Amino acid sequence: MNISTKVAVTLLAAANVVIIALIVGWAAGHLAHRDGARHSQAIGRAVIAFGGTLTLAATLTLTLLQVLQ
């Protein structure tokens, strides 16, 4: 596998993680708003879910890198 293929796969994987985190954040905010939370509370819950998803993805990536070495 040449370097340009590795870069392309890495960028696609990163884009997928960001898209999934955005969907999780949106869903958390939407569910919080439907549950009766005000807009600021719903946005706060969405941000927490978005950040948690990115943190989980980074942790899993680092763990896999250590295991595969």
PDB file of N, CA and C in Angstrom:
ATOM      1  N   MET A   1       0.853  -1.166   0.000  1.00  0.00           N
ATOM      2  CA  MET A   1       0.000   0.000   0.000  1.00  0.00           C
ATOM      3  C   MET A   1       0.904   1.237   0.000  1.00  0.00           C
ATOM      4  N   ASN A   2       0.719   2.089  -0.974  1.00  0.00           N
ATOM      5  CA  ASN A   2       1.572   3.280  -1.038  1.00  0.00           C
ATOM      6  C   ASN A   2       1.068   4.364  -0.094  1.00  0.00           C
ATOM      7  N   ILE A   3       1.863   5.417   0.030  1.00  0.00           N
ATOM      8  CA  ILE A   3       1.592   6.447   1.031  1.00  0.00           C
ATOM      9  C   ILE A   3       0.320   7.228   0.724  1.00  0.00           C
ATOM     10  N   SER A   4       0.012   7.463  -0.545  1.00  0.00           N
ATOM     11  CA  SER A   4      -1.183   8.243  -0.862  1.00  0.00           C
ATOM     12  C   SER A   4      -2.455   7.467  -0.510  1.00  0.00           C
ATOM     13  N   THR A   5      -2.414   6.145  -0.645  1.00  0.00           N
ATOM     14  CA  THR A   5      -3.565   5.334  -0.259  1.00  0.00           C
ATOM     15  C   THR A   5      -3.761   5.365   1.247  1.00  0.00           C
ATOM     16  N   LYS A   6      -2.658   5.309   1.996  1.00  0.00           N
ATOM     17  CA  LYS A   6      -2.751   5.373   3.457  1.00  0.00           C
ATOM     18  C   LYS A   6      -3.312   6.713   3.914  1.00  0.00           C
ATOM     19  N   VAL A   7      -2.881   7.776   3.278  1.00  0.00           N
ATOM     20  CA  VAL A   7      -3.386   9.106   3.625  1.00  0.00           C
ATOM     21  C   VAL A   7      -4.873   9.209   3.312  1.00  0.00           C
ATOM     22  N   ALA A   8      -5.275   8.695   2.162  1.00  0.00           N
ATOM     23  CA  ALA A   8      -6.683   8.753   1.782  1.00  0.00           C
ATOM     24  C   ALA A   8      -7.553   7.954   2.743  1.00  0.00           C
ATOM     25  N   VAL A   9      -7.106   6.770   3.111  1.00  0.00           N
ATOM     26  CA  VAL A   9      -7.873   5.943   4.047  1.00  0.00           C
ATOM     27  C   VAL A   9      -7.953   6.618   5.414  1.00  0.00           C
ATOM     28  N   THR A  10      -6.858   7.210   5.855  1.00  0.00           N
ATOM     29  CA  THR A  10      -6.847   7.902   7.148  1.00  0.00           C
ATOM     30  C   THR A  10      -7.803   9.091   7.145  1.00  0.00           C
ATOM     31  N   LEU A  11      -7.794   9.863   6.076  1.00  0.00           N
ATOM     32  CA  LEU A  11      -8.699  11.014   5.989  1.00  0.00           C
ATOM     33  C   LEU A  11     -10.161  10.584   5.919  1.00  0.00           C
ATOM     34  N   LEU A  12     -10.446   9.522   5.198  1.00  0.00           N
ATOM     35  CA  LEU A  12     -11.825   9.019   5.145  1.00  0.00           C
ATOM     36  C   LEU A  12     -12.284   8.498   6.504  1.00  0.00           C
ATOM     37  N   ALA A  13     -11.397   7.816   7.208  1.00  0.00           N
ATOM     38  CA  ALA A  13     -11.752   7.322   8.545  1.00  0.00           C
ATOM     39  C   ALA A  13     -12.012   8.482   9.502  1.00  0.00           C
ATOM     40  N   ALA A  14     -11.168   9.510   9.442  1.00  0.00           N
ATOM     41  CA  ALA A  14     -11.370  10.678  10.303  1.00  0.00           C
ATOM     42  C   ALA A  14     -12.677  11.388   9.969  1.00  0.00           C
ATOM     43  N   ALA A  15     -12.989  11.499   8.687  1.00  0.00           N
ATOM     44  CA  ALA A  15     -14.251  12.129   8.290  1.00  0.00           C
ATOM     45  C   ALA A  15     -15.448  11.323   8.780  1.00  0.00           C
ATOM     46  N   ASN A  16     -15.348  10.006   8.709  1.00  0.00           N
ATOM     47  CA  ASN A  16     -16.441   9.163   9.207  1.00  0.00           C
ATOM     48  C   ASN A  16     -16.637   9.335  10.702  1.00  0.00           C
ATOM     49  N   VAL A  17     -15.554   9.422  11.455  1.00  0.00           N
ATOM     50  CA  VAL A  17     -15.663   9.606  12.908  1.00  0.00           C
ATOM     51  C   VAL A  17     -16.326  10.936  13.228  1.00  0.00           C
ATOM     52  N   VAL A  18     -15.945  11.987  12.523  1.00  0.00           N
ATOM     53  CA  VAL A  18     -16.545  13.308  12.769  1.00  0.00           C
ATOM     54  C   VAL A  18     -18.027  13.298  12.406  1.00  0.00           C
ATOM     55  N   ILE A  19     -18.383  12.662  11.319  1.00  0.00           N
ATOM     56  CA  ILE A  19     -19.795  12.598  10.910  1.00  0.00           C
ATOM     57  C   ILE A  19     -20.610  11.816  11.944  1.00  0.00           C
ATOM     58  N   ILE A  20     -20.075  10.706  12.415  1.00  0.00           N
ATOM     59  CA  ILE A  20     -20.783   9.927  13.437  1.00  0.00           C
ATOM     60  C   ILE A  20     -20.926  10.741  14.718  1.00  0.00           C
ATOM     61  N   ALA A  21     -19.876  11.470  15.109  1.00  0.00           N
ATOM     62  CA  ALA A  21     -19.958  12.308  16.305  1.00  0.00           C
ATOM     63  C   ALA A  21     -20.994  13.410  16.137  1.00  0.00           C
ATOM     64  N   LEU A  22     -21.085  13.990  14.950  1.00  0.00           N
ATOM     65  CA  LEU A  22     -22.105  15.011  14.698  1.00  0.00           C
ATOM     66  C   LEU A  22     -23.513  14.429  14.802  1.00  0.00           C
ATOM     67  N   ILE A  23     -23.702  13.237  14.270  1.00  0.00           N
ATOM     68  CA  ILE A  23     -25.020  12.593  14.348  1.00  0.00           C
ATOM     69  C   ILE A  23     -25.384  12.279  15.791  1.00  0.00           C
ATOM     70  N   VAL A  24     -24.422  11.783  16.559  1.00  0.00           N
ATOM     71  CA  VAL A  24     -24.680  11.478  17.977  1.00  0.00           C
ATOM     72  C   VAL A  24     -25.015  12.760  18.740  1.00  0.00           C
ATOM     73  N   GLY A  25     -24.268  13.826  18.486  1.00  0.00           N
ATOM     74  CA  GLY A  25     -24.548  15.106  19.149  1.00  0.00           C
ATOM     75  C   GLY A  25     -25.915  15.647  18.791  1.00  0.00           C
ATOM     76  N   TRP A  26     -26.252  15.589  17.502  1.00  0.00           N
ATOM     77  CA  TRP A  26     -27.574  16.057  17.078  1.00  0.00           C
ATOM     78  C   TRP A  26     -28.680  15.241  17.737  1.00  0.00           C
ATOM     79  N   ALA A  27     -28.514  13.924  17.777  1.00  0.00           N
ATOM     80  CA  ALA A  27     -29.542  13.063  18.380  1.00  0.00           C
ATOM     81  C   ALA A  27     -29.690  13.359  19.865  1.00  0.00           C
ATOM     82  N   ALA A  28     -28.582  13.561  20.556  1.00  0.00           N
ATOM     83  CA  ALA A  28     -28.663  13.870  21.987  1.00  0.00           C
ATOM     84  C   ALA A  28     -29.363  15.201  22.223  1.00  0.00           C
ATOM     85  N   GLY A  29     -29.036  16.196  21.425  1.00  0.00           N
ATOM     86  CA  GLY A  29     -29.698  17.492  21.561  1.00  0.00           C
ATOM     87  C   GLY A  29     -31.173  17.424  21.228  1.00  0.00           C
ATOM     88  N   HIS A  30     -31.504  16.688  20.191  1.00  0.00           N
ATOM     89  CA  HIS A  30     -32.904  16.547  19.790  1.00  0.00           C
ATOM     90  C   HIS A  30     -33.712  15.828  20.868  1.00  0.00           C
ATOM     91  N   LEU A  31     -33.161  14.742  21.397  1.00  0.00           N
ATOM     92  CA  LEU A  31     -33.866  14.010  22.448  1.00  0.00           C
ATOM     93  C   LEU A  31     -34.006  14.844  23.723  1.00  0.00           C
ATOM     94  N   ALA A  32     -32.977  15.625  24.048  1.00  0.00           N
ATOM     95  CA  ALA A  32     -33.070  16.489  25.225  1.00  0.00           C
ATOM     96  C   ALA A  32     -34.140  17.559  25.020  1.00  0.00           C
ATOM     97  N   HIS A  33     -34.208  18.110  23.823  1.00  0.00           N
ATOM     98  CA  HIS A  33     -35.219  19.134  23.542  1.00  0.00           C
ATOM     99  C   HIS A  33     -36.626  18.530  23.597  1.00  0.00           C
ATOM    100  N   ARG A  34     -36.788  17.334  23.058  1.00  0.00           N
ATOM    101  CA  ARG A  34     -38.100  16.674  23.113  1.00  0.00           C
ATOM    102  C   ARG A  34     -38.481  16.303  24.535  1.00  0.00           C
ATOM    103  N   ASP A  35     -37.479  16.125  25.397  1.00  0.00           N
ATOM    104  CA  ASP A  35     -37.731  15.764  26.790  1.00  0.00           C
ATOM    105  C   ASP A  35     -38.117  16.983  27.628  1.00  0.00           C
ATOM    106  N   GLY A  36     -38.046  18.160  27.033  1.00  0.00           N
ATOM    107  CA  GLY A  36     -38.471  19.357  27.749  1.00  0.00           C
ATOM    108  C   GLY A  36     -37.340  20.269  28.160  1.00  0.00           C
ATOM    109  N   ALA A  37     -36.127  19.972  27.753  1.00  0.00           N
ATOM    110  CA  ALA A  37     -35.003  20.839  28.096  1.00  0.00           C
ATOM    111  C   ALA A  37     -35.064  22.110  27.258  1.00  0.00           C
ATOM    112  N   ARG A  38     -34.562  23.196  27.845  1.00  0.00           N
ATOM    113  CA  ARG A  38     -34.496  24.446  27.085  1.00  0.00           C
ATOM    114  C   ARG A  38     -33.403  24.333  26.033  1.00  0.00           C
ATOM    115  N   HIS A  39     -33.352  25.308  25.146  1.00  0.00           N
ATOM    116  CA  HIS A  39     -32.393  25.261  24.039  1.00  0.00           C
ATOM    117  C   HIS A  39     -30.951  25.196  24.539  1.00  0.00           C
ATOM    118  N   SER A  40     -30.620  26.003  25.539  1.00  0.00           N
ATOM    119  CA  SER A  40     -29.245  26.016  26.033  1.00  0.00           C
ATOM    120  C   SER A  40     -28.878  24.675  26.682  1.00  0.00           C
ATOM    121  N   GLN A  41     -29.809  24.072  27.381  1.00  0.00           N
ATOM    122  CA  GLN A  41     -29.546  22.769  27.981  1.00  0.00           C
ATOM    123  C   GLN A  41     -29.403  21.688  26.913  1.00  0.00           C
ATOM    124  N   ALA A  42     -30.233  21.742  25.889  1.00  0.00           N
ATOM    125  CA  ALA A  42     -30.154  20.760  24.806  1.00  0.00           C
ATOM    126  C   ALA A  42     -28.835  20.891  24.050  1.00  0.00           C
ATOM    127  N   ILE A  43     -28.394  22.121  23.814  1.00  0.00           N
ATOM    128  CA  ILE A  43     -27.111  22.331  23.139  1.00  0.00           C
ATOM    129  C   ILE A  43     -25.975  21.823  24.013  1.00  0.00           C
ATOM    130  N   GLY A  44     -26.063  22.059  25.300  1.00  0.00           N
ATOM    131  CA  GLY A  44     -25.036  21.561  26.218  1.00  0.00           C
ATOM    132  C   GLY A  44     -24.945  20.046  26.192  1.00  0.00           C
ATOM    133  N   ARG A  45     -26.073  19.379  26.187  1.00  0.00           N
ATOM    134  CA  ARG A  45     -26.064  17.913  26.124  1.00  0.00           C
ATOM    135  C   ARG A  45     -25.531  17.421  24.785  1.00  0.00           C
ATOM    136  N   ALA A  46     -25.848  18.143  23.725  1.00  0.00           N
ATOM    137  CA  ALA A  46     -25.329  17.763  22.405  1.00  0.00           C
ATOM    138  C   ALA A  46     -23.816  17.910  22.350  1.00  0.00           C
ATOM    139  N   VAL A  47     -23.300  18.983  22.924  1.00  0.00           N
ATOM    140  CA  VAL A  47     -21.849  19.199  22.935  1.00  0.00           C
ATOM    141  C   VAL A  47     -21.146  18.131  23.761  1.00  0.00           C
ATOM    142  N   ILE A  48     -21.729  17.766  24.882  1.00  0.00           N
ATOM    143  CA  ILE A  48     -21.136  16.718  25.713  1.00  0.00           C
ATOM    144  C   ILE A  48     -21.121  15.386  24.969  1.00  0.00           C
ATOM    145  N   ALA A  49     -22.200  15.061  24.287  1.00  0.00           N
ATOM    146  CA  ALA A  49     -22.251  13.809  23.525  1.00  0.00           C
ATOM    147  C   ALA A  49     -21.258  13.827  22.365  1.00  0.00           C
ATOM    148  N   PHE A  50     -21.136  14.965  21.683  1.00  0.00           N
ATOM    149  CA  PHE A  50     -20.186  15.104  20.574  1.00  0.00           C
ATOM    150  C   PHE A  50     -18.755  14.917  21.077  1.00  0.00           C
ATOM    151  N   GLY A  51     -18.420  15.595  22.147  1.00  0.00           N
ATOM    152  CA  GLY A  51     -17.075  15.482  22.709  1.00  0.00           C
ATOM    153  C   GLY A  51     -16.778  14.088  23.234  1.00  0.00           C
ATOM    154  N   GLY A  52     -17.766  13.480  23.844  1.00  0.00           N
ATOM    155  CA  GLY A  52     -17.579  12.112  24.339  1.00  0.00           C
ATOM    156  C   GLY A  52     -17.353  11.119  23.222  1.00  0.00           C
ATOM    157  N   THR A  53     -18.051  11.298  22.122  1.00  0.00           N
ATOM    158  CA  THR A  53     -17.875  10.403  20.982  1.00  0.00           C
ATOM    159  C   THR A  53     -16.485  10.556  20.380  1.00  0.00           C
ATOM    160  N   LEU A  54     -16.009  11.786  20.242  1.00  0.00           N
ATOM    161  CA  LEU A  54     -14.660  12.006  19.721  1.00  0.00           C
ATOM    162  C   LEU A  54     -13.598  11.461  20.678  1.00  0.00           C
ATOM    163  N   THR A  55     -13.818  11.614  21.975  1.00  0.00           N
ATOM    164  CA  THR A  55     -12.877  11.092  22.955  1.00  0.00           C
ATOM    165  C   THR A  55     -12.827   9.571  22.900  1.00  0.00           C
ATOM    166  N   LEU A  56     -13.980   8.946  22.788  1.00  0.00           N
ATOM    167  CA  LEU A  56     -14.026   7.488  22.686  1.00  0.00           C
ATOM    168  C   LEU A  56     -13.319   7.002  21.427  1.00  0.00           C
ATOM    169  N   ALA A  57     -13.531   7.679  20.313  1.00  0.00           N
ATOM    170  CA  ALA A  57     -12.870   7.288  19.061  1.00  0.00           C
ATOM    171  C   ALA A  57     -11.358   7.442  19.172  1.00  0.00           C
ATOM    172  N   ALA A  58     -10.898   8.522  19.790  1.00  0.00           N
ATOM    173  CA  ALA A  58      -9.455   8.720  19.960  1.00  0.00           C
ATOM    174  C   ALA A  58      -8.851   7.664  20.881  1.00  0.00           C
ATOM    175  N   THR A  59      -9.551   7.327  21.953  1.00  0.00           N
ATOM    176  CA  THR A  59      -9.067   6.308  22.879  1.00  0.00           C
ATOM    177  C   THR A  59      -8.983   4.946  22.208  1.00  0.00           C
ATOM    178  N   LEU A  60     -10.008   4.596  21.452  1.00  0.00           N
ATOM    179  CA  LEU A  60      -9.984   3.314  20.746  1.00  0.00           C
ATOM    180  C   LEU A  60      -8.871   3.271  19.700  1.00  0.00           C
ATOM    181  N   THR A  61      -8.645   4.375  19.013  1.00  0.00           N
ATOM    182  CA  THR A  61      -7.585   4.429  18.009  1.00  0.00           C
ATOM    183  C   THR A  61      -6.216   4.247  18.645  1.00  0.00           C
ATOM    184  N   LEU A  62      -5.958   4.956  19.731  1.00  0.00           N
ATOM    185  CA  LEU A  62      -4.671   4.825  20.398  1.00  0.00           C
ATOM    186  C   LEU A  62      -4.465   3.430  20.969  1.00  0.00           C
ATOM    187  N   THR A  63      -5.518   2.836  21.497  1.00  0.00           N
ATOM    188  CA  THR A  63      -5.417   1.484  22.026  1.00  0.00           C
ATOM    189  C   THR A  63      -5.113   0.489  20.914  1.00  0.00           C
ATOM    190  N   LEU A  64      -5.792   0.620  19.794  1.00  0.00           N
ATOM    191  CA  LEU A  64      -5.526  -0.272  18.667  1.00  0.00           C
ATOM    192  C   LEU A  64      -4.115  -0.105  18.122  1.00  0.00           C
ATOM    193  N   LEU A  65      -3.641   1.138  18.097  1.00  0.00           N
ATOM    194  CA  LEU A  65      -2.268   1.359  17.623  1.00  0.00           C
ATOM    195  C   LEU A  65      -1.247   0.685  18.532  1.00  0.00           C
ATOM    196  N   GLN A  66      -1.464   0.746  19.839  1.00  0.00           N
ATOM    197  CA  GLN A  66      -0.550   0.100  20.763  1.00  0.00           C
ATOM    198  C   GLN A  66      -0.608  -1.406  20.674  1.00  0.00           C
ATOM    199  N   VAL A  67      -1.796  -1.957  20.460  1.00  0.00           N
ATOM    200  CA  VAL A  67      -1.942  -3.406  20.359  1.00  0.00           C
ATOM    201  C   VAL A  67      -1.302  -3.927  19.069  1.00  0.00           C
ATOM    202  N   LEU A  68      -1.419  -3.177  17.992  1.00  0.00           N
ATOM    203  CA  LEU A  68      -0.916  -3.636  16.699  1.00  0.00           C
ATOM    204  C   LEU A  68       0.594  -3.465  16.551  1.00  0.00           C
ATOM    205  N   GLN A  69       1.245  -2.765  17.432  1.00  0.00           N
ATOM    206  CA  GLN A  69       2.695  -2.589  17.318  1.00  0.00           C
ATOM    207  C   GLN A  69       3.454  -3.743  17.910  1.00  0.00           C
TER     208      GLN A  69
END
